[in-house]
Amino acid sequence: MRSWLRAVIEIAFIIFLFYSNLLMGEFVRSRGAAKSLGDAVADIFTGANFAIALVSACIGYVGFEFLRRRL
């Protein structure tokens, strides 16, 4: 149970980092145009982005667990 909880927390944190990076990119890309936070959030929360974030987070978790046990 404890290892599953740790996995969920680590995967959720990686997804958080993914979305925060996307959000920063939306504001950099708009270059000061009148884009609100709501517009940027609507642009980044899509099904495709969530699938990419979930797959990347799982791969990242497996990679870090491998390194954790190896070192």
PDB file of N, CA and C in Angstrom:
ATOM      1  N   MET A   1       0.825  -1.201   0.000  1.00  0.00           N
ATOM      2  CA  MET A   1       0.000   0.000   0.000  1.00  0.00           C
ATOM      3  C   MET A   1       0.863   1.256   0.000  1.00  0.00           C
ATOM      4  N   ARG A   2       1.886   1.251   0.830  1.00  0.00           N
ATOM      5  CA  ARG A   2       2.729   2.430   0.937  1.00  0.00           C
ATOM      6  C   ARG A   2       3.480   2.719  -0.371  1.00  0.00           C
ATOM      7  N   SER A   3       3.939   1.663  -1.057  1.00  0.00           N
ATOM      8  CA  SER A   3       4.658   1.872  -2.313  1.00  0.00           C
ATOM      9  C   SER A   3       3.727   2.398  -3.404  1.00  0.00           C
ATOM     10  N   TRP A   4       2.459   1.966  -3.386  1.00  0.00           N
ATOM     11  CA  TRP A   4       1.506   2.481  -4.355  1.00  0.00           C
ATOM     12  C   TRP A   4       1.215   3.962  -4.115  1.00  0.00           C
ATOM     13  N   LEU A   5       1.087   4.327  -2.861  1.00  0.00           N
ATOM     14  CA  LEU A   5       0.843   5.728  -2.527  1.00  0.00           C
ATOM     15  C   LEU A   5       2.024   6.597  -2.958  1.00  0.00           C
ATOM     16  N   ARG A   6       3.215   6.112  -2.714  1.00  0.00           N
ATOM     17  CA  ARG A   6       4.413   6.847  -3.132  1.00  0.00           C
ATOM     18  C   ARG A   6       4.462   6.993  -4.654  1.00  0.00           C
ATOM     19  N   ALA A   7       4.123   5.926  -5.364  1.00  0.00           N
ATOM     20  CA  ALA A   7       4.107   5.975  -6.827  1.00  0.00           C
ATOM     21  C   ALA A   7       3.096   6.999  -7.330  1.00  0.00           C
ATOM     22  N   VAL A   8       1.913   7.006  -6.749  1.00  0.00           N
ATOM     23  CA  VAL A   8       0.871   7.951  -7.168  1.00  0.00           C
ATOM     24  C   VAL A   8       1.319   9.385  -6.908  1.00  0.00           C
ATOM     25  N   ILE A   9       1.917   9.626  -5.763  1.00  0.00           N
ATOM     26  CA  ILE A   9       2.376  10.984  -5.428  1.00  0.00           C
ATOM     27  C   ILE A   9       3.478  11.428  -6.381  1.00  0.00           C
ATOM     28  N   GLU A  10       4.425  10.556  -6.663  1.00  0.00           N
ATOM     29  CA  GLU A  10       5.519  10.929  -7.565  1.00  0.00           C
ATOM     30  C   GLU A  10       5.028  11.147  -8.988  1.00  0.00           C
ATOM     31  N   ILE A  11       4.119  10.308  -9.452  1.00  0.00           N
ATOM     32  CA  ILE A  11       3.565  10.484 -10.799  1.00  0.00           C
ATOM     33  C   ILE A  11       2.759  11.778 -10.875  1.00  0.00           C
ATOM     34  N   ALA A  12       1.977  12.066  -9.839  1.00  0.00           N
ATOM     35  CA  ALA A  12       1.207  13.314  -9.816  1.00  0.00           C
ATOM     36  C   ALA A  12       2.129  14.530  -9.815  1.00  0.00           C
ATOM     37  N   PHE A  13       3.249  14.443  -9.133  1.00  0.00           N
ATOM     38  CA  PHE A  13       4.185  15.570  -9.109  1.00  0.00           C
ATOM     39  C   PHE A  13       4.813  15.777 -10.483  1.00  0.00           C
ATOM     40  N   ILE A  14       5.144  14.700 -11.171  1.00  0.00           N
ATOM     41  CA  ILE A  14       5.701  14.825 -12.516  1.00  0.00           C
ATOM     42  C   ILE A  14       4.669  15.440 -13.460  1.00  0.00           C
ATOM     43  N   ILE A  15       3.400  15.037 -13.322  1.00  0.00           N
ATOM     44  CA  ILE A  15       2.337  15.627 -14.146  1.00  0.00           C
ATOM     45  C   ILE A  15       2.182  17.110 -13.832  1.00  0.00           C
ATOM     46  N   PHE A  16       2.265  17.470 -12.556  1.00  0.00           N
ATOM     47  CA  PHE A  16       2.214  18.884 -12.169  1.00  0.00           C
ATOM     48  C   PHE A  16       3.341  19.678 -12.835  1.00  0.00           C
ATOM     49  N   LEU A  17       4.542  19.135 -12.819  1.00  0.00           N
ATOM     50  CA  LEU A  17       5.663  19.821 -13.460  1.00  0.00           C
ATOM     51  C   LEU A  17       5.450  19.964 -14.966  1.00  0.00           C
ATOM     52  N   PHE A  18       4.893  18.932 -15.591  1.00  0.00           N
ATOM     53  CA  PHE A  18       4.601  18.976 -17.021  1.00  0.00           C
ATOM     54  C   PHE A  18       3.631  20.114 -17.336  1.00  0.00           C
ATOM     55  N   TYR A  19       2.529  20.180 -16.582  1.00  0.00           N
ATOM     56  CA  TYR A  19       1.531  21.209 -16.848  1.00  0.00           C
ATOM     57  C   TYR A  19       2.029  22.613 -16.500  1.00  0.00           C
ATOM     58  N   SER A  20       2.832  22.737 -15.462  1.00  0.00           N
ATOM     59  CA  SER A  20       3.366  24.069 -15.149  1.00  0.00           C
ATOM     60  C   SER A  20       4.313  24.534 -16.251  1.00  0.00           C
ATOM     61  N   ASN A  21       5.063  23.608 -16.831  1.00  0.00           N
ATOM     62  CA  ASN A  21       5.942  23.950 -17.949  1.00  0.00           C
ATOM     63  C   ASN A  21       5.112  24.371 -19.166  1.00  0.00           C
ATOM     64  N   LEU A  22       4.036  23.648 -19.444  1.00  0.00           N
ATOM     65  CA  LEU A  22       3.161  24.035 -20.553  1.00  0.00           C
ATOM     66  C   LEU A  22       2.549  25.411 -20.324  1.00  0.00           C
ATOM     67  N   LEU A  23       2.133  25.685 -19.102  1.00  0.00           N
ATOM     68  CA  LEU A  23       1.517  26.975 -18.797  1.00  0.00           C
ATOM     69  C   LEU A  23       2.519  28.116 -18.979  1.00  0.00           C
ATOM     70  N   MET A  24       3.736  27.923 -18.533  1.00  0.00           N
ATOM     71  CA  MET A  24       4.759  28.960 -18.743  1.00  0.00           C
ATOM     72  C   MET A  24       5.019  29.154 -20.233  1.00  0.00           C
ATOM     73  N   GLY A  25       5.039  28.061 -20.978  1.00  0.00           N
ATOM     74  CA  GLY A  25       5.254  28.149 -22.420  1.00  0.00           C
ATOM     75  C   GLY A  25       4.142  28.899 -23.124  1.00  0.00           C
ATOM     76  N   GLU A  26       2.914  28.743 -22.668  1.00  0.00           N
ATOM     77  CA  GLU A  26       1.784  29.464 -23.268  1.00  0.00           C
ATOM     78  C   GLU A  26       1.957  30.969 -23.116  1.00  0.00           C
ATOM     79  N   PHE A  27       2.424  31.409 -21.961  1.00  0.00           N
ATOM     80  CA  PHE A  27       2.597  32.846 -21.757  1.00  0.00           C
ATOM     81  C   PHE A  27       3.819  33.379 -22.485  1.00  0.00           C
ATOM     82  N   VAL A  28       4.845  32.578 -22.620  1.00  0.00           N
ATOM     83  CA  VAL A  28       6.026  33.020 -23.371  1.00  0.00           C
ATOM     84  C   VAL A  28       5.677  33.115 -24.849  1.00  0.00           C
ATOM     85  N   ARG A  29       4.921  32.141 -25.326  1.00  0.00           N
ATOM     86  CA  ARG A  29       4.542  32.118 -26.737  1.00  0.00           C
ATOM     87  C   ARG A  29       3.623  33.269 -27.096  1.00  0.00           C
ATOM     88  N   SER A  30       2.776  33.695 -26.169  1.00  0.00           N
ATOM     89  CA  SER A  30       1.844  34.780 -26.465  1.00  0.00           C
ATOM     90  C   SER A  30       2.546  36.138 -26.486  1.00  0.00           C
ATOM     91  N   ARG A  31       3.746  36.214 -25.916  1.00  0.00           N
ATOM     92  CA  ARG A  31       4.579  37.430 -25.927  1.00  0.00           C
ATOM     93  C   ARG A  31       3.829  38.682 -25.473  1.00  0.00           C
ATOM     94  N   GLY A  32       3.126  38.542 -24.365  1.00  0.00           N
ATOM     95  CA  GLY A  32       2.471  39.706 -23.778  1.00  0.00           C
ATOM     96  C   GLY A  32       1.141  40.063 -24.413  1.00  0.00           C
ATOM     97  N   ALA A  33       0.668  39.248 -25.351  1.00  0.00           N
ATOM     98  CA  ALA A  33      -0.646  39.538 -25.937  1.00  0.00           C
ATOM     99  C   ALA A  33      -1.696  39.397 -24.832  1.00  0.00           C
ATOM    100  N   ALA A  34      -2.846  39.916 -25.063  1.00  0.00           N
ATOM    101  CA  ALA A  34      -3.893  39.924 -24.041  1.00  0.00           C
ATOM    102  C   ALA A  34      -4.468  38.522 -23.859  1.00  0.00           C
ATOM    103  N   LYS A  35      -3.684  37.630 -23.300  1.00  0.00           N
ATOM    104  CA  LYS A  35      -4.134  36.264 -23.047  1.00  0.00           C
ATOM    105  C   LYS A  35      -4.304  36.116 -21.541  1.00  0.00           C
ATOM    106  N   SER A  36      -5.489  35.717 -21.143  1.00  0.00           N
ATOM    107  CA  SER A  36      -5.745  35.579 -19.714  1.00  0.00           C
ATOM    108  C   SER A  36      -5.296  34.202 -19.234  1.00  0.00           C
ATOM    109  N   LEU A  37      -5.258  34.050 -17.929  1.00  0.00           N
ATOM    110  CA  LEU A  37      -4.896  32.761 -17.341  1.00  0.00           C
ATOM    111  C   LEU A  37      -5.913  31.697 -17.751  1.00  0.00           C
ATOM    112  N   GLY A  38      -7.159  32.059 -17.801  1.00  0.00           N
ATOM    113  CA  GLY A  38      -8.205  31.117 -18.214  1.00  0.00           C
ATOM    114  C   GLY A  38      -8.010  30.623 -19.641  1.00  0.00           C
ATOM    115  N   ASP A  39      -7.629  31.538 -20.535  1.00  0.00           N
ATOM    116  CA  ASP A  39      -7.365  31.144 -21.923  1.00  0.00           C
ATOM    117  C   ASP A  39      -6.196  30.176 -22.006  1.00  0.00           C
ATOM    118  N   ALA A  40      -5.146  30.464 -21.259  1.00  0.00           N
ATOM    119  CA  ALA A  40      -3.964  29.603 -21.277  1.00  0.00           C
ATOM    120  C   ALA A  40      -4.278  28.226 -20.705  1.00  0.00           C
ATOM    121  N   VAL A  41      -5.039  28.195 -19.625  1.00  0.00           N
ATOM    122  CA  VAL A  41      -5.410  26.909 -19.018  1.00  0.00           C
ATOM    123  C   VAL A  41      -6.289  26.110 -19.974  1.00  0.00           C
ATOM    124  N   ALA A  42      -7.211  26.775 -20.645  1.00  0.00           N
ATOM    125  CA  ALA A  42      -8.065  26.082 -21.613  1.00  0.00           C
ATOM    126  C   ALA A  42      -7.244  25.510 -22.764  1.00  0.00           C
ATOM    127  N   ASP A  43      -6.173  26.182 -23.150  1.00  0.00           N
ATOM    128  CA  ASP A  43      -5.329  25.698 -24.237  1.00  0.00           C
ATOM    129  C   ASP A  43      -4.498  24.480 -23.849  1.00  0.00           C
ATOM    130  N   ILE A  44      -4.084  24.379 -22.576  1.00  0.00           N
ATOM    131  CA  ILE A  44      -3.170  23.297 -22.208  1.00  0.00           C
ATOM    132  C   ILE A  44      -3.860  22.061 -21.658  1.00  0.00           C
ATOM    133  N   PHE A  45      -5.074  22.186 -21.103  1.00  0.00           N
ATOM    134  CA  PHE A  45      -5.753  21.013 -20.548  1.00  0.00           C
ATOM    135  C   PHE A  45      -6.585  20.332 -21.632  1.00  0.00           C
ATOM    136  N   THR A  46      -5.905  19.488 -22.398  1.00  0.00           N
ATOM    137  CA  THR A  46      -6.563  18.717 -23.445  1.00  0.00           C
ATOM    138  C   THR A  46      -6.316  17.234 -23.185  1.00  0.00           C
ATOM    139  N   GLY A  47      -7.075  16.408 -23.855  1.00  0.00           N
ATOM    140  CA  GLY A  47      -6.907  14.966 -23.703  1.00  0.00           C
ATOM    141  C   GLY A  47      -5.539  14.501 -24.168  1.00  0.00           C
ATOM    142  N   ALA A  48      -5.067  15.064 -25.270  1.00  0.00           N
ATOM    143  CA  ALA A  48      -3.756  14.672 -25.793  1.00  0.00           C
ATOM    144  C   ALA A  48      -2.643  15.059 -24.821  1.00  0.00           C
ATOM    145  N   ASN A  49      -2.713  16.257 -24.264  1.00  0.00           N
ATOM    146  CA  ASN A  49      -1.695  16.679 -23.304  1.00  0.00           C
ATOM    147  C   ASN A  49      -1.716  15.806 -22.051  1.00  0.00           C
ATOM    148  N   PHE A  50      -2.916  15.429 -21.609  1.00  0.00           N
ATOM    149  CA  PHE A  50      -3.000  14.576 -20.420  1.00  0.00           C
ATOM    150  C   PHE A  50      -2.412  13.198 -20.702  1.00  0.00           C
ATOM    151  N   ALA A  51      -2.681  12.657 -21.884  1.00  0.00           N
ATOM    152  CA  ALA A  51      -2.108  11.350 -22.241  1.00  0.00           C
ATOM    153  C   ALA A  51      -0.591  11.414 -22.285  1.00  0.00           C
ATOM    154  N   ILE A  52      -0.063  12.470 -22.869  1.00  0.00           N
ATOM    155  CA  ILE A  52       1.391  12.647 -22.932  1.00  0.00           C
ATOM    156  C   ILE A  52       1.958  12.781 -21.524  1.00  0.00           C
ATOM    157  N   ALA A  53       1.296  13.563 -20.686  1.00  0.00           N
ATOM    158  CA  ALA A  53       1.774  13.763 -19.315  1.00  0.00           C
ATOM    159  C   ALA A  53       1.752  12.460 -18.536  1.00  0.00           C
ATOM    160  N   LEU A  54       0.705  11.680 -18.679  1.00  0.00           N
ATOM    161  CA  LEU A  54       0.587  10.423 -17.937  1.00  0.00           C
ATOM    162  C   LEU A  54       1.631   9.400 -18.378  1.00  0.00           C
ATOM    163  N   VAL A  55       1.816   9.260 -19.681  1.00  0.00           N
ATOM    164  CA  VAL A  55       2.827   8.316 -20.183  1.00  0.00           C
ATOM    165  C   VAL A  55       4.221   8.770 -19.769  1.00  0.00           C
ATOM    166  N   SER A  56       4.507  10.049 -19.909  1.00  0.00           N
ATOM    167  CA  SER A  56       5.819  10.569 -19.528  1.00  0.00           C
ATOM    168  C   SER A  56       6.068  10.411 -18.030  1.00  0.00           C
ATOM    169  N   ALA A  57       5.046  10.647 -17.229  1.00  0.00           N
ATOM    170  CA  ALA A  57       5.190  10.515 -15.775  1.00  0.00           C
ATOM    171  C   ALA A  57       5.459   9.066 -15.382  1.00  0.00           C
ATOM    172  N   CYS A  58       4.784   8.133 -16.018  1.00  0.00           N
ATOM    173  CA  CYS A  58       5.022   6.716 -15.708  1.00  0.00           C
ATOM    174  C   CYS A  58       6.417   6.286 -16.118  1.00  0.00           C
ATOM    175  N   ILE A  59       6.860   6.730 -17.284  1.00  0.00           N
ATOM    176  CA  ILE A  59       8.225   6.422 -17.724  1.00  0.00           C
ATOM    177  C   ILE A  59       9.236   7.050 -16.772  1.00  0.00           C
ATOM    178  N   GLY A  60       8.994   8.298 -16.381  1.00  0.00           N
ATOM    179  CA  GLY A  60       9.894   8.967 -15.441  1.00  0.00           C
ATOM    180  C   GLY A  60       9.934   8.277 -14.093  1.00  0.00           C
ATOM    181  N   TYR A  61       8.788   7.825 -13.613  1.00  0.00           N
ATOM    182  CA  TYR A  61       8.744   7.128 -12.333  1.00  0.00           C
ATOM    183  C   TYR A  61       9.535   5.821 -12.396  1.00  0.00           C
ATOM    184  N   VAL A  62       9.328   5.052 -13.449  1.00  0.00           N
ATOM    185  CA  VAL A  62      10.057   3.788 -13.603  1.00  0.00           C
ATOM    186  C   VAL A  62      11.555   4.051 -13.696  1.00  0.00           C
ATOM    187  N   GLY A  63      11.940   5.084 -14.430  1.00  0.00           N
ATOM    188  CA  GLY A  63      13.356   5.425 -14.551  1.00  0.00           C
ATOM    189  C   GLY A  63      13.979   5.811 -13.223  1.00  0.00           C
ATOM    190  N   PHE A  64      13.277   6.646 -12.465  1.00  0.00           N
ATOM    191  CA  PHE A  64      13.812   7.061 -11.172  1.00  0.00           C
ATOM    192  C   PHE A  64      13.844   5.910 -10.172  1.00  0.00           C
ATOM    193  N   GLU A  65      12.861   5.039 -10.227  1.00  0.00           N
ATOM    194  CA  GLU A  65      12.880   3.863  -9.328  1.00  0.00           C
ATOM    195  C   GLU A  65      14.058   2.949  -9.671  1.00  0.00           C
ATOM    196  N   PHE A  66      14.314   2.804 -10.953  1.00  0.00           N
ATOM    197  CA  PHE A  66      15.462   1.999 -11.377  1.00  0.00           C
ATOM    198  C   PHE A  66      16.754   2.590 -10.833  1.00  0.00           C
ATOM    199  N   LEU A  67      16.907   3.896 -10.983  1.00  0.00           N
ATOM    200  CA  LEU A  67      18.130   4.548 -10.474  1.00  0.00           C
ATOM    201  C   LEU A  67      18.214   4.504  -8.957  1.00  0.00           C
ATOM    202  N   ARG A  68      17.082   4.655  -8.292  1.00  0.00           N
ATOM    203  CA  ARG A  68      17.050   4.607  -6.834  1.00  0.00           C
ATOM    204  C   ARG A  68      17.525   3.261  -6.318  1.00  0.00           C
ATOM    205  N   ARG A  69      17.082   2.199  -6.944  1.00  0.00           N
ATOM    206  CA  ARG A  69      17.458   0.860  -6.503  1.00  0.00           C
ATOM    207  C   ARG A  69      18.849   0.479  -6.954  1.00  0.00           C
ATOM    208  N   ARG A  70      19.309   1.074  -8.022  1.00  0.00           N
ATOM    209  CA  ARG A  70      20.624   0.756  -8.582  1.00  0.00           C
ATOM    210  C   ARG A  70      21.741   1.443  -7.796  1.00  0.00           C
ATOM    211  N   LEU A  71      21.497   2.648  -7.307  1.00  0.00           N
ATOM    212  CA  LEU A  71      22.539   3.430  -6.623  1.00  0.00           C
ATOM    213  C   LEU A  71      22.603   3.122  -5.174  1.00  0.00           C
TER     214      LEU A  71
END
